[in-house]
Amino acid sequence: MSSFAFDGTKVVLREERWRHIVLRHPELKNEAELILDVVGHPDEVYVDPTGAFHALKRVSSVSDFLVVIYSVNDEGYIRTAYYTSNIRKTRRYKAFRKLIPS
C-alpha cells in the first residue's frame, strides 16, 4: 500500500512493517487507510534528530493523536504507527523541529 505525504513524497507501507504495527499495536489492525491518510493529511509534522518524519493527526475515537513515523531515502516508507495522548505528545515533541503547525 502507498500514499503521498503532505510534501508530495511517495510513502509505502510494506507488508513487514504492517505486521510490525499490528503485532505491537493491535488496536490499529483495521486502520491501514487511516495510517496512510495521516501521512497525506497530517495536523502536525515533526522531524526527529535522525531525519525521520512524525506525522500526527487528531483522532478522538481511541486517543488524542495517531502518530505515523516514516523515513525517506530514495522512497518514503512507514516505520511504525501508534496512538498517543496529548500529554505524551507535548512531552515527546518539544525538542523536535516542527514543520506543520497545529
N, C-alpha and C. Protein backbone atom coordinates (compact mmCIF):
# COMPACT_ATOMS: atom_id res chain seq x y z
N MET A 1 0.84 -1.17 0.00
CA MET A 1 0.00 0.00 0.00
C MET A 1 0.89 1.24 0.00
N SER A 2 0.40 2.29 -0.62
CA SER A 2 1.19 3.51 -0.65
C SER A 2 0.28 4.73 -0.67
N SER A 3 0.89 5.85 -0.39
CA SER A 3 0.20 7.14 -0.38
C SER A 3 1.25 8.21 -0.66
N PHE A 4 0.80 9.42 -0.79
CA PHE A 4 1.72 10.53 -0.95
C PHE A 4 1.69 11.37 0.31
N ALA A 5 2.87 11.72 0.81
CA ALA A 5 2.99 12.52 2.02
C ALA A 5 2.53 13.94 1.74
N PHE A 6 2.41 14.72 2.78
CA PHE A 6 1.96 16.10 2.67
C PHE A 6 2.85 16.93 1.74
N ASP A 7 4.11 16.52 1.58
CA ASP A 7 5.04 17.27 0.72
C ASP A 7 5.20 16.66 -0.67
N GLY A 8 4.37 15.66 -1.00
CA GLY A 8 4.40 15.05 -2.32
C GLY A 8 5.28 13.81 -2.44
N THR A 9 6.00 13.45 -1.40
CA THR A 9 6.85 12.26 -1.40
C THR A 9 5.99 11.00 -1.35
N LYS A 10 6.30 10.03 -2.20
CA LYS A 10 5.59 8.76 -2.15
C LYS A 10 6.06 7.98 -0.93
N VAL A 11 5.09 7.48 -0.15
CA VAL A 11 5.39 6.75 1.08
C VAL A 11 4.70 5.39 1.00
N VAL A 12 5.45 4.34 1.28
CA VAL A 12 4.97 2.96 1.15
C VAL A 12 4.78 2.35 2.54
N LEU A 13 3.71 1.60 2.70
CA LEU A 13 3.50 0.78 3.89
C LEU A 13 3.74 -0.66 3.46
N ARG A 14 4.92 -1.16 3.77
CA ARG A 14 5.31 -2.51 3.37
C ARG A 14 4.64 -3.55 4.28
N GLU A 15 4.48 -4.74 3.74
CA GLU A 15 3.84 -5.84 4.47
C GLU A 15 4.55 -6.12 5.80
N GLU A 16 5.87 -6.13 5.79
CA GLU A 16 6.63 -6.41 7.01
C GLU A 16 6.37 -5.35 8.07
N ARG A 17 6.30 -4.09 7.66
CA ARG A 17 6.03 -3.00 8.60
C ARG A 17 4.58 -3.06 9.10
N TRP A 18 3.66 -3.44 8.22
CA TRP A 18 2.26 -3.57 8.62
C TRP A 18 2.13 -4.65 9.70
N ARG A 19 2.82 -5.78 9.51
CA ARG A 19 2.80 -6.84 10.53
C ARG A 19 3.37 -6.33 11.85
N HIS A 20 4.45 -5.56 11.79
CA HIS A 20 5.04 -4.97 12.99
C HIS A 20 4.02 -4.09 13.72
N ILE A 21 3.36 -3.22 12.97
CA ILE A 21 2.38 -2.30 13.57
C ILE A 21 1.26 -3.08 14.25
N VAL A 22 0.69 -4.05 13.56
CA VAL A 22 -0.43 -4.81 14.10
C VAL A 22 -0.01 -5.67 15.29
N LEU A 23 1.20 -6.21 15.25
CA LEU A 23 1.70 -7.01 16.36
C LEU A 23 1.91 -6.14 17.61
N ARG A 24 2.53 -5.00 17.44
CA ARG A 24 2.83 -4.11 18.58
C ARG A 24 1.63 -3.27 19.01
N HIS A 25 0.73 -2.98 18.06
CA HIS A 25 -0.40 -2.09 18.34
C HIS A 25 -1.67 -2.68 17.72
N PRO A 26 -2.20 -3.75 18.30
CA PRO A 26 -3.33 -4.46 17.69
C PRO A 26 -4.58 -3.59 17.50
N GLU A 27 -4.69 -2.50 18.23
CA GLU A 27 -5.84 -1.60 18.06
C GLU A 27 -5.85 -0.93 16.69
N LEU A 28 -4.75 -1.05 15.94
CA LEU A 28 -4.66 -0.46 14.60
C LEU A 28 -4.92 -1.47 13.47
N LYS A 29 -5.32 -2.69 13.81
CA LYS A 29 -5.42 -3.74 12.79
C LYS A 29 -6.37 -3.43 11.63
N ASN A 30 -7.37 -2.60 11.84
CA ASN A 30 -8.30 -2.24 10.77
C ASN A 30 -8.11 -0.80 10.29
N GLU A 31 -6.95 -0.23 10.57
CA GLU A 31 -6.74 1.19 10.32
C GLU A 31 -5.66 1.51 9.27
N ALA A 32 -5.41 0.61 8.35
CA ALA A 32 -4.38 0.87 7.33
C ALA A 32 -4.68 2.13 6.52
N GLU A 33 -5.92 2.31 6.14
CA GLU A 33 -6.29 3.50 5.36
C GLU A 33 -6.11 4.77 6.18
N LEU A 34 -6.44 4.71 7.46
CA LEU A 34 -6.26 5.88 8.34
C LEU A 34 -4.78 6.21 8.47
N ILE A 35 -3.93 5.20 8.59
CA ILE A 35 -2.49 5.42 8.69
C ILE A 35 -1.98 6.14 7.44
N LEU A 36 -2.41 5.69 6.28
CA LEU A 36 -1.99 6.34 5.03
C LEU A 36 -2.55 7.76 4.94
N ASP A 37 -3.76 7.98 5.46
CA ASP A 37 -4.36 9.31 5.45
C ASP A 37 -3.57 10.28 6.33
N VAL A 38 -3.08 9.79 7.46
CA VAL A 38 -2.29 10.64 8.35
C VAL A 38 -1.04 11.15 7.65
N VAL A 39 -0.40 10.29 6.87
CA VAL A 39 0.81 10.69 6.13
C VAL A 39 0.47 11.80 5.12
N GLY A 40 -0.65 11.67 4.44
CA GLY A 40 -1.02 12.63 3.41
C GLY A 40 -1.67 13.89 3.92
N HIS A 41 -2.35 13.79 5.07
CA HIS A 41 -3.10 14.94 5.58
C HIS A 41 -2.92 15.09 7.09
N PRO A 42 -1.69 15.30 7.53
CA PRO A 42 -1.44 15.41 8.98
C PRO A 42 -1.89 16.76 9.54
N ASP A 43 -2.16 16.78 10.83
CA ASP A 43 -2.42 18.04 11.52
C ASP A 43 -1.10 18.69 11.94
N GLU A 44 -0.12 17.85 12.26
CA GLU A 44 1.20 18.33 12.68
C GLU A 44 2.25 17.37 12.14
N VAL A 45 3.42 17.91 11.82
CA VAL A 45 4.55 17.08 11.40
C VAL A 45 5.81 17.58 12.10
N TYR A 46 6.56 16.63 12.62
CA TYR A 46 7.82 16.93 13.30
C TYR A 46 8.93 16.12 12.63
N VAL A 47 10.16 16.61 12.75
CA VAL A 47 11.33 15.88 12.25
C VAL A 47 12.20 15.58 13.45
N ASP A 48 12.54 14.30 13.63
CA ASP A 48 13.38 13.92 14.77
C ASP A 48 14.86 14.09 14.42
N PRO A 49 15.75 13.92 15.38
CA PRO A 49 17.18 14.12 15.12
C PRO A 49 17.78 13.22 14.04
N THR A 50 17.15 12.07 13.75
CA THR A 50 17.66 11.17 12.71
C THR A 50 17.12 11.53 11.34
N GLY A 51 16.19 12.50 11.26
CA GLY A 51 15.61 12.90 9.98
C GLY A 51 14.29 12.22 9.67
N ALA A 52 13.79 11.37 10.55
CA ALA A 52 12.50 10.71 10.34
C ALA A 52 11.37 11.71 10.58
N PHE A 53 10.30 11.55 9.83
CA PHE A 53 9.13 12.40 9.96
C PHE A 53 8.12 11.74 10.89
N HIS A 54 7.51 12.54 11.74
CA HIS A 54 6.46 12.08 12.64
C HIS A 54 5.21 12.86 12.27
N ALA A 55 4.29 12.21 11.58
CA ALA A 55 3.04 12.84 11.18
C ALA A 55 1.97 12.52 12.22
N LEU A 56 1.28 13.53 12.70
CA LEU A 56 0.27 13.35 13.73
C LEU A 56 -1.07 13.87 13.24
N LYS A 57 -2.11 13.15 13.57
CA LYS A 57 -3.46 13.57 13.24
C LYS A 57 -4.32 13.40 14.48
N ARG A 58 -5.11 14.40 14.77
CA ARG A 58 -6.01 14.35 15.91
C ARG A 58 -7.13 13.36 15.63
N VAL A 59 -7.30 12.41 16.53
CA VAL A 59 -8.40 11.44 16.45
C VAL A 59 -9.04 11.36 17.83
N SER A 60 -10.31 11.15 17.87
CA SER A 60 -10.97 11.12 19.17
C SER A 60 -11.53 9.76 19.52
N SER A 61 -11.50 8.83 18.59
CA SER A 61 -12.12 7.53 18.82
C SER A 61 -11.39 6.69 19.86
N VAL A 62 -10.06 6.74 19.88
CA VAL A 62 -9.29 5.90 20.79
C VAL A 62 -8.41 6.75 21.71
N SER A 63 -7.75 7.73 21.17
CA SER A 63 -6.80 8.55 21.90
C SER A 63 -6.84 9.95 21.32
N ASP A 64 -5.89 10.79 21.71
CA ASP A 64 -5.87 12.16 21.19
C ASP A 64 -5.27 12.25 19.79
N PHE A 65 -4.19 11.49 19.53
CA PHE A 65 -3.49 11.57 18.26
C PHE A 65 -3.10 10.19 17.75
N LEU A 66 -3.07 10.05 16.42
CA LEU A 66 -2.45 8.91 15.77
C LEU A 66 -1.12 9.41 15.22
N VAL A 67 -0.04 8.75 15.59
CA VAL A 67 1.30 9.11 15.15
C VAL A 67 1.75 8.10 14.10
N VAL A 68 2.26 8.57 12.97
CA VAL A 68 2.84 7.70 11.96
C VAL A 68 4.26 8.19 11.72
N ILE A 69 5.23 7.31 11.94
CA ILE A 69 6.63 7.67 11.76
C ILE A 69 7.10 7.06 10.45
N TYR A 70 7.69 7.90 9.60
CA TYR A 70 8.22 7.40 8.34
C TYR A 70 9.54 8.06 8.01
N SER A 71 10.34 7.35 7.25
CA SER A 71 11.64 7.83 6.81
C SER A 71 11.63 7.96 5.30
N VAL A 72 12.53 8.78 4.79
CA VAL A 72 12.63 8.98 3.35
C VAL A 72 14.08 8.77 2.94
N ASN A 73 14.31 7.81 2.06
CA ASN A 73 15.60 7.63 1.40
C ASN A 73 15.34 7.97 -0.06
N ASP A 74 15.43 6.99 -0.95
CA ASP A 74 15.00 7.21 -2.32
C ASP A 74 13.48 7.28 -2.37
N GLU A 75 12.86 6.52 -1.49
CA GLU A 75 11.41 6.43 -1.39
C GLU A 75 11.07 6.49 0.09
N GLY A 76 9.89 7.01 0.40
CA GLY A 76 9.47 7.03 1.79
C GLY A 76 8.90 5.69 2.21
N TYR A 77 9.09 5.35 3.47
CA TYR A 77 8.50 4.10 3.98
C TYR A 77 8.09 4.30 5.43
N ILE A 78 6.92 3.78 5.76
CA ILE A 78 6.39 3.89 7.11
C ILE A 78 7.14 2.92 8.00
N ARG A 79 7.60 3.41 9.14
CA ARG A 79 8.31 2.58 10.10
C ARG A 79 7.37 2.02 11.16
N THR A 80 6.50 2.87 11.70
CA THR A 80 5.56 2.42 12.72
C THR A 80 4.43 3.42 12.85
N ALA A 81 3.42 3.03 13.61
CA ALA A 81 2.29 3.90 13.90
C ALA A 81 1.72 3.50 15.26
N TYR A 82 1.19 4.48 15.97
CA TYR A 82 0.60 4.21 17.28
C TYR A 82 -0.24 5.41 17.72
N TYR A 83 -1.12 5.16 18.69
CA TYR A 83 -1.90 6.22 19.29
C TYR A 83 -1.13 6.81 20.46
N THR A 84 -1.33 8.11 20.70
CA THR A 84 -0.70 8.76 21.85
C THR A 84 -1.63 9.83 22.40
N SER A 85 -1.42 10.18 23.65
CA SER A 85 -2.22 11.22 24.30
C SER A 85 -1.61 12.59 24.03
N ASN A 86 -2.38 13.61 24.31
CA ASN A 86 -1.89 14.97 24.14
C ASN A 86 -0.74 15.25 25.11
N ILE A 87 -0.81 14.74 26.31
CA ILE A 87 0.26 14.94 27.30
C ILE A 87 1.56 14.32 26.82
N ARG A 88 1.51 13.07 26.36
CA ARG A 88 2.72 12.40 25.86
C ARG A 88 3.26 13.09 24.61
N LYS A 89 2.36 13.53 23.73
CA LYS A 89 2.78 14.25 22.51
C LYS A 89 3.55 15.50 22.88
N THR A 90 3.00 16.28 23.80
CA THR A 90 3.66 17.52 24.22
C THR A 90 5.05 17.25 24.79
N ARG A 91 5.16 16.25 25.63
CA ARG A 91 6.44 15.91 26.24
C ARG A 91 7.45 15.42 25.20
N ARG A 92 7.00 14.53 24.30
CA ARG A 92 7.93 13.92 23.34
C ARG A 92 8.42 14.89 22.27
N TYR A 93 7.54 15.74 21.77
CA TYR A 93 7.87 16.54 20.60
C TYR A 93 8.37 17.95 20.89
N LYS A 94 8.57 18.30 22.16
CA LYS A 94 9.03 19.66 22.45
C LYS A 94 10.42 19.97 21.91
N ALA A 95 11.26 18.94 21.74
CA ALA A 95 12.62 19.16 21.23
C ALA A 95 12.76 18.90 19.73
N PHE A 96 11.69 18.45 19.07
CA PHE A 96 11.76 18.15 17.64
C PHE A 96 11.43 19.40 16.83
N ARG A 97 11.93 19.44 15.60
CA ARG A 97 11.62 20.55 14.70
C ARG A 97 10.22 20.35 14.12
N LYS A 98 9.40 21.37 14.22
CA LYS A 98 8.01 21.30 13.76
C LYS A 98 7.91 21.85 12.34
N LEU A 99 7.26 21.09 11.44
CA LEU A 99 7.08 21.53 10.06
C LEU A 99 5.70 22.10 9.80
N ILE A 100 4.68 21.46 10.33
CA ILE A 100 3.30 21.92 10.11
C ILE A 100 2.70 22.28 11.46
N PRO A 101 2.26 23.52 11.64
CA PRO A 101 1.66 23.91 12.92
C PRO A 101 0.27 23.31 13.10
N SER A 102 -0.11 23.16 14.35
CA SER A 102 -1.47 22.63 14.62
C SER A 102 -2.47 23.74 14.58
